[in-house]
Amino acid sequence: MDARCLGIAVGSTGAVFYLACILTMSTAPRDKAIVFFNSLLHGIDVTPILREHVSFGEVLFGIVATFVLGWFAGVLIAGFYNWNGGKTRT
């Protein structure tokens, strides 16, 4: 498995989810966003931490950081998979 390709795939997927979160926060009313994110997090109350106003710099940093962490996770997953020789138990 190509570690770089999997890293890019996982990182890009994370960035798309981050952008979807931005879209949700910018279009949904606050009370609906709270219900949505509470449902995703199995009842964890996001009300005290939900911020509606985030600077462009924080958004840019968040997208980049999400991509980098996702890339790193994908590379690690592929690395461990390859280290095992790509064998699976049946």
PDB file of N, CA and C in Angstrom:
ATOM      1  N   MET A   1       0.854  -1.172   0.000  1.00  0.00           N
ATOM      2  CA  MET A   1       0.000   0.000   0.000  1.00  0.00           C
ATOM      3  C   MET A   1       0.897   1.232   0.000  1.00  0.00           C
ATOM      4  N   ASP A   2       0.582   2.176  -0.847  1.00  0.00           N
ATOM      5  CA  ASP A   2       1.373   3.401  -0.936  1.00  0.00           C
ATOM      6  C   ASP A   2       0.987   4.331   0.207  1.00  0.00           C
ATOM      7  N   ALA A   3       1.918   4.527   1.125  1.00  0.00           N
ATOM      8  CA  ALA A   3       1.647   5.318   2.331  1.00  0.00           C
ATOM      9  C   ALA A   3       1.310   6.762   1.995  1.00  0.00           C
ATOM     10  N   ARG A   4       2.005   7.333   1.024  1.00  0.00           N
ATOM     11  CA  ARG A   4       1.737   8.734   0.669  1.00  0.00           C
ATOM     12  C   ARG A   4       0.331   8.912   0.102  1.00  0.00           C
ATOM     13  N   CYS A   5      -0.098   7.973  -0.734  1.00  0.00           N
ATOM     14  CA  CYS A   5      -1.443   8.063  -1.325  1.00  0.00           C
ATOM     15  C   CYS A   5      -2.522   7.934  -0.257  1.00  0.00           C
ATOM     16  N   LEU A   6      -2.349   6.996   0.655  1.00  0.00           N
ATOM     17  CA  LEU A   6      -3.334   6.847   1.721  1.00  0.00           C
ATOM     18  C   LEU A   6      -3.320   8.079   2.618  1.00  0.00           C
ATOM     19  N   GLY A   7      -2.145   8.613   2.893  1.00  0.00           N
ATOM     20  CA  GLY A   7      -2.052   9.830   3.700  1.00  0.00           C
ATOM     21  C   GLY A   7      -2.792  10.985   3.063  1.00  0.00           C
ATOM     22  N   ILE A   8      -2.616  11.166   1.765  1.00  0.00           N
ATOM     23  CA  ILE A   8      -3.311  12.249   1.056  1.00  0.00           C
ATOM     24  C   ILE A   8      -4.822  12.002   1.069  1.00  0.00           C
ATOM     25  N   ALA A   9      -5.236  10.753   0.898  1.00  0.00           N
ATOM     26  CA  ALA A   9      -6.666  10.433   0.900  1.00  0.00           C
ATOM     27  C   ALA A   9      -7.299  10.722   2.262  1.00  0.00           C
ATOM     28  N   VAL A  10      -6.651  10.297   3.329  1.00  0.00           N
ATOM     29  CA  VAL A  10      -7.200  10.524   4.673  1.00  0.00           C
ATOM     30  C   VAL A  10      -7.166  12.015   5.013  1.00  0.00           C
ATOM     31  N   GLY A  11      -6.069  12.674   4.696  1.00  0.00           N
ATOM     32  CA  GLY A  11      -5.972  14.105   4.959  1.00  0.00           C
ATOM     33  C   GLY A  11      -7.003  14.902   4.188  1.00  0.00           C
ATOM     34  N   SER A  12      -7.213  14.566   2.934  1.00  0.00           N
ATOM     35  CA  SER A  12      -8.203  15.268   2.109  1.00  0.00           C
ATOM     36  C   SER A  12      -9.613  15.019   2.623  1.00  0.00           C
ATOM     37  N   THR A  13      -9.884  13.803   3.052  1.00  0.00           N
ATOM     38  CA  THR A  13     -11.197  13.492   3.615  1.00  0.00           C
ATOM     39  C   THR A  13     -11.449  14.320   4.875  1.00  0.00           C
ATOM     40  N   GLY A  14     -10.446  14.416   5.732  1.00  0.00           N
ATOM     41  CA  GLY A  14     -10.574  15.245   6.932  1.00  0.00           C
ATOM     42  C   GLY A  14     -10.832  16.702   6.587  1.00  0.00           C
ATOM     43  N   ALA A  15     -10.135  17.211   5.582  1.00  0.00           N
ATOM     44  CA  ALA A  15     -10.315  18.604   5.166  1.00  0.00           C
ATOM     45  C   ALA A  15     -11.718  18.833   4.602  1.00  0.00           C
ATOM     46  N   VAL A  16     -12.262  17.855   3.864  1.00  0.00           N
ATOM     47  CA  VAL A  16     -13.618  17.973   3.339  1.00  0.00           C
ATOM     48  C   VAL A  16     -14.625  18.012   4.497  1.00  0.00           C
ATOM     49  N   PHE A  17     -14.424  17.157   5.499  1.00  0.00           N
ATOM     50  CA  PHE A  17     -15.304  17.182   6.669  1.00  0.00           C
ATOM     51  C   PHE A  17     -15.192  18.521   7.404  1.00  0.00           C
ATOM     52  N   TYR A  18     -14.005  19.064   7.475  1.00  0.00           N
ATOM     53  CA  TYR A  18     -13.806  20.369   8.114  1.00  0.00           C
ATOM     54  C   TYR A  18     -14.576  21.451   7.354  1.00  0.00           C
ATOM     55  N   LEU A  19     -14.484  21.418   6.031  1.00  0.00           N
ATOM     56  CA  LEU A  19     -15.218  22.381   5.217  1.00  0.00           C
ATOM     57  C   LEU A  19     -16.732  22.198   5.364  1.00  0.00           C
ATOM     58  N   ALA A  20     -17.186  20.953   5.488  1.00  0.00           N
ATOM     59  CA  ALA A  20     -18.610  20.694   5.701  1.00  0.00           C
ATOM     60  C   ALA A  20     -19.062  21.249   7.049  1.00  0.00           C
ATOM     61  N   CYS A  21     -18.207  21.172   8.041  1.00  0.00           N
ATOM     62  CA  CYS A  21     -18.505  21.746   9.355  1.00  0.00           C
ATOM     63  C   CYS A  21     -18.631  23.263   9.242  1.00  0.00           C
ATOM     64  N   ILE A  22     -17.728  23.883   8.503  1.00  0.00           N
ATOM     65  CA  ILE A  22     -17.792  25.334   8.290  1.00  0.00           C
ATOM     66  C   ILE A  22     -19.098  25.702   7.605  1.00  0.00           C
ATOM     67  N   LEU A  23     -19.464  24.935   6.583  1.00  0.00           N
ATOM     68  CA  LEU A  23     -20.706  25.201   5.860  1.00  0.00           C
ATOM     69  C   LEU A  23     -21.916  25.062   6.789  1.00  0.00           C
ATOM     70  N   THR A  24     -21.922  24.030   7.605  1.00  0.00           N
ATOM     71  CA  THR A  24     -23.017  23.835   8.556  1.00  0.00           C
ATOM     72  C   THR A  24     -23.112  25.002   9.522  1.00  0.00           C
ATOM     73  N   MET A  25     -21.993  25.415  10.077  1.00  0.00           N
ATOM     74  CA  MET A  25     -21.993  26.501  11.054  1.00  0.00           C
ATOM     75  C   MET A  25     -22.386  27.830  10.424  1.00  0.00           C
ATOM     76  N   SER A  26     -22.078  28.018   9.155  1.00  0.00           N
ATOM     77  CA  SER A  26     -22.383  29.304   8.525  1.00  0.00           C
ATOM     78  C   SER A  26     -23.806  29.378   7.977  1.00  0.00           C
ATOM     79  N   THR A  27     -24.484  28.242   7.827  1.00  0.00           N
ATOM     80  CA  THR A  27     -25.827  28.260   7.249  1.00  0.00           C
ATOM     81  C   THR A  27     -26.925  27.901   8.240  1.00  0.00           C
ATOM     82  N   ALA A  28     -26.621  27.097   9.244  1.00  0.00           N
ATOM     83  CA  ALA A  28     -27.658  26.649  10.184  1.00  0.00           C
ATOM     84  C   ALA A  28     -27.791  27.631  11.345  1.00  0.00           C
ATOM     85  N   PRO A  29     -29.016  27.819  11.832  1.00  0.00           N
ATOM     86  CA  PRO A  29     -29.173  28.620  13.040  1.00  0.00           C
ATOM     87  C   PRO A  29     -28.461  27.945  14.216  1.00  0.00           C
ATOM     88  N   ARG A  30     -28.046  28.734  15.186  1.00  0.00           N
ATOM     89  CA  ARG A  30     -27.266  28.221  16.317  1.00  0.00           C
ATOM     90  C   ARG A  30     -27.947  27.044  17.007  1.00  0.00           C
ATOM     91  N   ASP A  31     -29.239  27.143  17.278  1.00  0.00           N
ATOM     92  CA  ASP A  31     -29.921  26.062  17.996  1.00  0.00           C
ATOM     93  C   ASP A  31     -29.961  24.770  17.177  1.00  0.00           C
ATOM     94  N   LYS A  32     -30.113  24.892  15.871  1.00  0.00           N
ATOM     95  CA  LYS A  32     -30.105  23.702  15.004  1.00  0.00           C
ATOM     96  C   LYS A  32     -28.697  23.105  14.910  1.00  0.00           C
ATOM     97  N   ALA A  33     -27.676  23.957  14.856  1.00  0.00           N
ATOM     98  CA  ALA A  33     -26.295  23.466  14.828  1.00  0.00           C
ATOM     99  C   ALA A  33     -25.968  22.716  16.115  1.00  0.00           C
ATOM    100  N   ILE A  34     -26.448  23.224  17.249  1.00  0.00           N
ATOM    101  CA  ILE A  34     -26.209  22.549  18.528  1.00  0.00           C
ATOM    102  C   ILE A  34     -26.852  21.166  18.527  1.00  0.00           C
ATOM    103  N   VAL A  35     -28.101  21.074  18.068  1.00  0.00           N
ATOM    104  CA  VAL A  35     -28.778  19.772  18.001  1.00  0.00           C
ATOM    105  C   VAL A  35     -28.009  18.827  17.082  1.00  0.00           C
ATOM    106  N   PHE A  36     -27.582  19.331  15.924  1.00  0.00           N
ATOM    107  CA  PHE A  36     -26.856  18.503  14.953  1.00  0.00           C
ATOM    108  C   PHE A  36     -25.554  17.961  15.546  1.00  0.00           C
ATOM    109  N   PHE A  37     -24.726  18.847  16.108  1.00  0.00           N
ATOM    110  CA  PHE A  37     -23.433  18.403  16.626  1.00  0.00           C
ATOM    111  C   PHE A  37     -23.577  17.577  17.895  1.00  0.00           C
ATOM    112  N   ASN A  38     -24.570  17.863  18.731  1.00  0.00           N
ATOM    113  CA  ASN A  38     -24.824  17.017  19.894  1.00  0.00           C
ATOM    114  C   ASN A  38     -25.203  15.607  19.458  1.00  0.00           C
ATOM    115  N   SER A  39     -25.975  15.499  18.385  1.00  0.00           N
ATOM    116  CA  SER A  39     -26.363  14.184  17.870  1.00  0.00           C
ATOM    117  C   SER A  39     -25.162  13.425  17.335  1.00  0.00           C
ATOM    118  N   LEU A  40     -24.276  14.120  16.625  1.00  0.00           N
ATOM    119  CA  LEU A  40     -23.076  13.464  16.102  1.00  0.00           C
ATOM    120  C   LEU A  40     -22.158  12.966  17.219  1.00  0.00           C
ATOM    121  N   LEU A  41     -22.129  13.697  18.311  1.00  0.00           N
ATOM    122  CA  LEU A  41     -21.225  13.373  19.416  1.00  0.00           C
ATOM    123  C   LEU A  41     -21.915  12.577  20.513  1.00  0.00           C
ATOM    124  N   HIS A  42     -23.022  11.924  20.174  1.00  0.00           N
ATOM    125  CA  HIS A  42     -23.743  11.033  21.079  1.00  0.00           C
ATOM    126  C   HIS A  42     -24.116  11.706  22.388  1.00  0.00           C
ATOM    127  N   GLY A  43     -24.645  12.915  22.298  1.00  0.00           N
ATOM    128  CA  GLY A  43     -25.176  13.573  23.469  1.00  0.00           C
ATOM    129  C   GLY A  43     -24.209  14.462  24.225  1.00  0.00           C
ATOM    130  N   ILE A  44     -22.976  14.576  23.779  1.00  0.00           N
ATOM    131  CA  ILE A  44     -22.055  15.512  24.421  1.00  0.00           C
ATOM    132  C   ILE A  44     -22.547  16.915  24.093  1.00  0.00           C
ATOM    133  N   ASP A  45     -22.722  17.738  25.104  1.00  0.00           N
ATOM    134  CA  ASP A  45     -23.279  19.077  24.909  1.00  0.00           C
ATOM    135  C   ASP A  45     -22.193  20.028  24.421  1.00  0.00           C
ATOM    136  N   VAL A  46     -22.344  20.511  23.196  1.00  0.00           N
ATOM    137  CA  VAL A  46     -21.361  21.421  22.608  1.00  0.00           C
ATOM    138  C   VAL A  46     -21.710  22.885  22.845  1.00  0.00           C
ATOM    139  N   THR A  47     -22.847  23.145  23.502  1.00  0.00           N
ATOM    140  CA  THR A  47     -23.305  24.520  23.696  1.00  0.00           C
ATOM    141  C   THR A  47     -22.228  25.431  24.281  1.00  0.00           C
ATOM    142  N   PRO A  48     -21.525  25.032  25.358  1.00  0.00           N
ATOM    143  CA  PRO A  48     -20.551  25.968  25.938  1.00  0.00           C
ATOM    144  C   PRO A  48     -19.303  26.200  25.074  1.00  0.00           C
ATOM    145  N   ILE A  49     -19.027  25.315  24.140  1.00  0.00           N
ATOM    146  CA  ILE A  49     -17.797  25.464  23.349  1.00  0.00           C
ATOM    147  C   ILE A  49     -18.052  25.881  21.906  1.00  0.00           C
ATOM    148  N   LEU A  50     -19.314  25.955  21.510  1.00  0.00           N
ATOM    149  CA  LEU A  50     -19.647  26.307  20.128  1.00  0.00           C
ATOM    150  C   LEU A  50     -19.389  27.786  19.883  1.00  0.00           C
ATOM    151  N   ARG A  51     -18.515  28.078  18.941  1.00  0.00           N
ATOM    152  CA  ARG A  51     -18.190  29.466  18.587  1.00  0.00           C
ATOM    153  C   ARG A  51     -18.727  29.755  17.200  1.00  0.00           C
ATOM    154  N   GLU A  52     -19.429  30.853  17.089  1.00  0.00           N
ATOM    155  CA  GLU A  52     -19.987  31.230  15.791  1.00  0.00           C
ATOM    156  C   GLU A  52     -19.056  32.138  15.001  1.00  0.00           C
ATOM    157  N   HIS A  53     -18.188  32.842  15.665  1.00  0.00           N
ATOM    158  CA  HIS A  53     -17.291  33.784  14.999  1.00  0.00           C
ATOM    159  C   HIS A  53     -15.852  33.294  15.134  1.00  0.00           C
ATOM    160  N   VAL A  54     -15.307  32.861  14.029  1.00  0.00           N
ATOM    161  CA  VAL A  54     -13.940  32.339  13.986  1.00  0.00           C
ATOM    162  C   VAL A  54     -13.196  33.122  12.914  1.00  0.00           C
ATOM    163  N   SER A  55     -11.993  33.553  13.228  1.00  0.00           N
ATOM    164  CA  SER A  55     -11.233  34.347  12.266  1.00  0.00           C
ATOM    165  C   SER A  55     -10.781  33.497  11.082  1.00  0.00           C
ATOM    166  N   PHE A  56     -10.509  34.167   9.967  1.00  0.00           N
ATOM    167  CA  PHE A  56     -10.029  33.468   8.774  1.00  0.00           C
ATOM    168  C   PHE A  56      -8.723  32.724   9.057  1.00  0.00           C
ATOM    169  N   GLY A  57      -7.849  33.329   9.850  1.00  0.00           N
ATOM    170  CA  GLY A  57      -6.587  32.676  10.195  1.00  0.00           C
ATOM    171  C   GLY A  57      -6.792  31.373  10.949  1.00  0.00           C
ATOM    172  N   GLU A  58      -7.752  31.356  11.884  1.00  0.00           N
ATOM    173  CA  GLU A  58      -8.047  30.128  12.619  1.00  0.00           C
ATOM    174  C   GLU A  58      -8.630  29.063  11.703  1.00  0.00           C
ATOM    175  N   VAL A  59      -9.482  29.482  10.772  1.00  0.00           N
ATOM    176  CA  VAL A  59     -10.066  28.533   9.819  1.00  0.00           C
ATOM    177  C   VAL A  59      -8.972  27.936   8.934  1.00  0.00           C
ATOM    178  N   LEU A  60      -8.114  28.787   8.411  1.00  0.00           N
ATOM    179  CA  LEU A  60      -7.021  28.313   7.556  1.00  0.00           C
ATOM    180  C   LEU A  60      -6.109  27.354   8.319  1.00  0.00           C
ATOM    181  N   PHE A  61      -5.749  27.736   9.543  1.00  0.00           N
ATOM    182  CA  PHE A  61      -4.914  26.858  10.365  1.00  0.00           C
ATOM    183  C   PHE A  61      -5.620  25.532  10.627  1.00  0.00           C
ATOM    184  N   GLY A  62      -6.928  25.588  10.897  1.00  0.00           N
ATOM    185  CA  GLY A  62      -7.694  24.367  11.165  1.00  0.00           C
ATOM    186  C   GLY A  62      -7.718  23.423   9.979  1.00  0.00           C
ATOM    187  N   ILE A  63      -7.917  23.969   8.790  1.00  0.00           N
ATOM    188  CA  ILE A  63      -7.930  23.118   7.592  1.00  0.00           C
ATOM    189  C   ILE A  63      -6.565  22.482   7.373  1.00  0.00           C
ATOM    190  N   VAL A  64      -5.514  23.280   7.479  1.00  0.00           N
ATOM    191  CA  VAL A  64      -4.157  22.761   7.276  1.00  0.00           C
ATOM    192  C   VAL A  64      -3.812  21.724   8.337  1.00  0.00           C
ATOM    193  N   ALA A  65      -4.119  22.022   9.599  1.00  0.00           N
ATOM    194  CA  ALA A  65      -3.805  21.091  10.688  1.00  0.00           C
ATOM    195  C   ALA A  65      -4.594  19.793  10.529  1.00  0.00           C
ATOM    196  N   THR A  66      -5.852  19.884  10.126  1.00  0.00           N
ATOM    197  CA  THR A  66      -6.657  18.685   9.916  1.00  0.00           C
ATOM    198  C   THR A  66      -6.080  17.837   8.793  1.00  0.00           C
ATOM    199  N   PHE A  67      -5.666  18.490   7.705  1.00  0.00           N
ATOM    200  CA  PHE A  67      -5.059  17.746   6.603  1.00  0.00           C
ATOM    201  C   PHE A  67      -3.760  17.070   7.043  1.00  0.00           C
ATOM    202  N   VAL A  68      -2.904  17.806   7.737  1.00  0.00           N
ATOM    203  CA  VAL A  68      -1.606  17.251   8.158  1.00  0.00           C
ATOM    204  C   VAL A  68      -1.799  16.081   9.112  1.00  0.00           C
ATOM    205  N   LEU A  69      -2.683  16.233  10.094  1.00  0.00           N
ATOM    206  CA  LEU A  69      -2.927  15.131  11.036  1.00  0.00           C
ATOM    207  C   LEU A  69      -3.539  13.935  10.327  1.00  0.00           C
ATOM    208  N   GLY A  70      -4.454  14.181   9.383  1.00  0.00           N
ATOM    209  CA  GLY A  70      -5.027  13.083   8.606  1.00  0.00           C
ATOM    210  C   GLY A  70      -3.984  12.407   7.731  1.00  0.00           C
ATOM    211  N   TRP A  71      -3.124  13.217   7.113  1.00  0.00           N
ATOM    212  CA  TRP A  71      -2.040  12.654   6.298  1.00  0.00           C
ATOM    213  C   TRP A  71      -1.150  11.760   7.160  1.00  0.00           C
ATOM    214  N   PHE A  72      -0.801  12.260   8.331  1.00  0.00           N
ATOM    215  CA  PHE A  72       0.067  11.490   9.234  1.00  0.00           C
ATOM    216  C   PHE A  72      -0.610  10.189   9.657  1.00  0.00           C
ATOM    217  N   ALA A  73      -1.905  10.249   9.961  1.00  0.00           N
ATOM    218  CA  ALA A  73      -2.635   9.038  10.343  1.00  0.00           C
ATOM    219  C   ALA A  73      -2.652   8.039   9.185  1.00  0.00           C
ATOM    220  N   GLY A  74      -2.887   8.516   7.960  1.00  0.00           N
ATOM    221  CA  GLY A  74      -2.898   7.621   6.801  1.00  0.00           C
ATOM    222  C   GLY A  74      -1.547   6.981   6.548  1.00  0.00           C
ATOM    223  N   VAL A  75      -0.483   7.766   6.693  1.00  0.00           N
ATOM    224  CA  VAL A  75       0.864   7.227   6.511  1.00  0.00           C
ATOM    225  C   VAL A  75       1.161   6.169   7.573  1.00  0.00           C
ATOM    226  N   LEU A  76       0.770   6.436   8.802  1.00  0.00           N
ATOM    227  CA  LEU A  76       0.992   5.449   9.866  1.00  0.00           C
ATOM    228  C   LEU A  76       0.205   4.162   9.617  1.00  0.00           C
ATOM    229  N   ILE A  77      -1.060   4.312   9.217  1.00  0.00           N
ATOM    230  CA  ILE A  77      -1.877   3.126   8.942  1.00  0.00           C
ATOM    231  C   ILE A  77      -1.242   2.296   7.833  1.00  0.00           C
ATOM    232  N   ALA A  78      -0.862   2.937   6.735  1.00  0.00           N
ATOM    233  CA  ALA A  78      -0.238   2.208   5.627  1.00  0.00           C
ATOM    234  C   ALA A  78       1.093   1.616   6.051  1.00  0.00           C
ATOM    235  N   GLY A  79       1.861   2.366   6.847  1.00  0.00           N
ATOM    236  CA  GLY A  79       3.141   1.849   7.320  1.00  0.00           C
ATOM    237  C   GLY A  79       2.984   0.599   8.160  1.00  0.00           C
ATOM    238  N   PHE A  80       2.027   0.618   9.089  1.00  0.00           N
ATOM    239  CA  PHE A  80       1.789  -0.570   9.912  1.00  0.00           C
ATOM    240  C   PHE A  80       1.253  -1.722   9.069  1.00  0.00           C
ATOM    241  N   TYR A  81       0.405  -1.406   8.108  1.00  0.00           N
ATOM    242  CA  TYR A  81      -0.114  -2.438   7.214  1.00  0.00           C
ATOM    243  C   TYR A  81       1.025  -3.070   6.418  1.00  0.00           C
ATOM    244  N   ASN A  82       1.905  -2.238   5.866  1.00  0.00           N
ATOM    245  CA  ASN A  82       3.019  -2.753   5.080  1.00  0.00           C
ATOM    246  C   ASN A  82       4.021  -3.503   5.953  1.00  0.00           C
ATOM    247  N   TRP A  83       4.198  -3.041   7.165  1.00  0.00           N
ATOM    248  CA  TRP A  83       5.133  -3.699   8.094  1.00  0.00           C
ATOM    249  C   TRP A  83       4.685  -5.116   8.373  1.00  0.00           C
ATOM    250  N   ASN A  84       3.380  -5.329   8.379  1.00  0.00           N
ATOM    251  CA  ASN A  84       2.814  -6.650   8.582  1.00  0.00           C
ATOM    252  C   ASN A  84       2.884  -7.466   7.295  1.00  0.00           C
ATOM    253  N   GLY A  85       3.382  -6.885   6.248  1.00  0.00           N
ATOM    254  CA  GLY A  85       3.485  -7.580   4.970  1.00  0.00           C
ATOM    255  C   GLY A  85       2.187  -7.563   4.188  1.00  0.00           C
ATOM    256  N   GLY A  86       1.234  -6.753   4.631  1.00  0.00           N
ATOM    257  CA  GLY A  86      -0.039  -6.683   3.938  1.00  0.00           C
ATOM    258  C   GLY A  86      -0.882  -7.922   4.116  1.00  0.00           C
ATOM    259  N   LYS A  87      -0.516  -8.749   5.093  1.00  0.00           N
ATOM    260  CA  LYS A  87      -1.248  -9.990   5.320  1.00  0.00           C
ATOM    261  C   LYS A  87      -2.436  -9.730   6.232  1.00  0.00           C
ATOM    262  N   THR A  88      -3.510 -10.396   5.937  1.00  0.00           N
ATOM    263  CA  THR A  88      -4.681 -10.340   6.818  1.00  0.00           C
ATOM    264  C   THR A  88      -4.996 -11.746   7.304  1.00  0.00           C
ATOM    265  N   ARG A  89      -5.562 -11.805   8.474  1.00  0.00           N
ATOM    266  CA  ARG A  89      -5.939 -13.122   9.025  1.00  0.00           C
ATOM    267  C   ARG A  89      -7.300 -13.505   8.487  1.00  0.00           C
ATOM    268  N   THR A  90      -7.432 -14.792   8.167  1.00  0.00           N
ATOM    269  CA  THR A  90      -8.738 -15.282   7.710  1.00  0.00           C
ATOM    270  C   THR A  90      -9.200 -16.399   8.574  1.00  0.00           C
TER     271      THR A  90
END
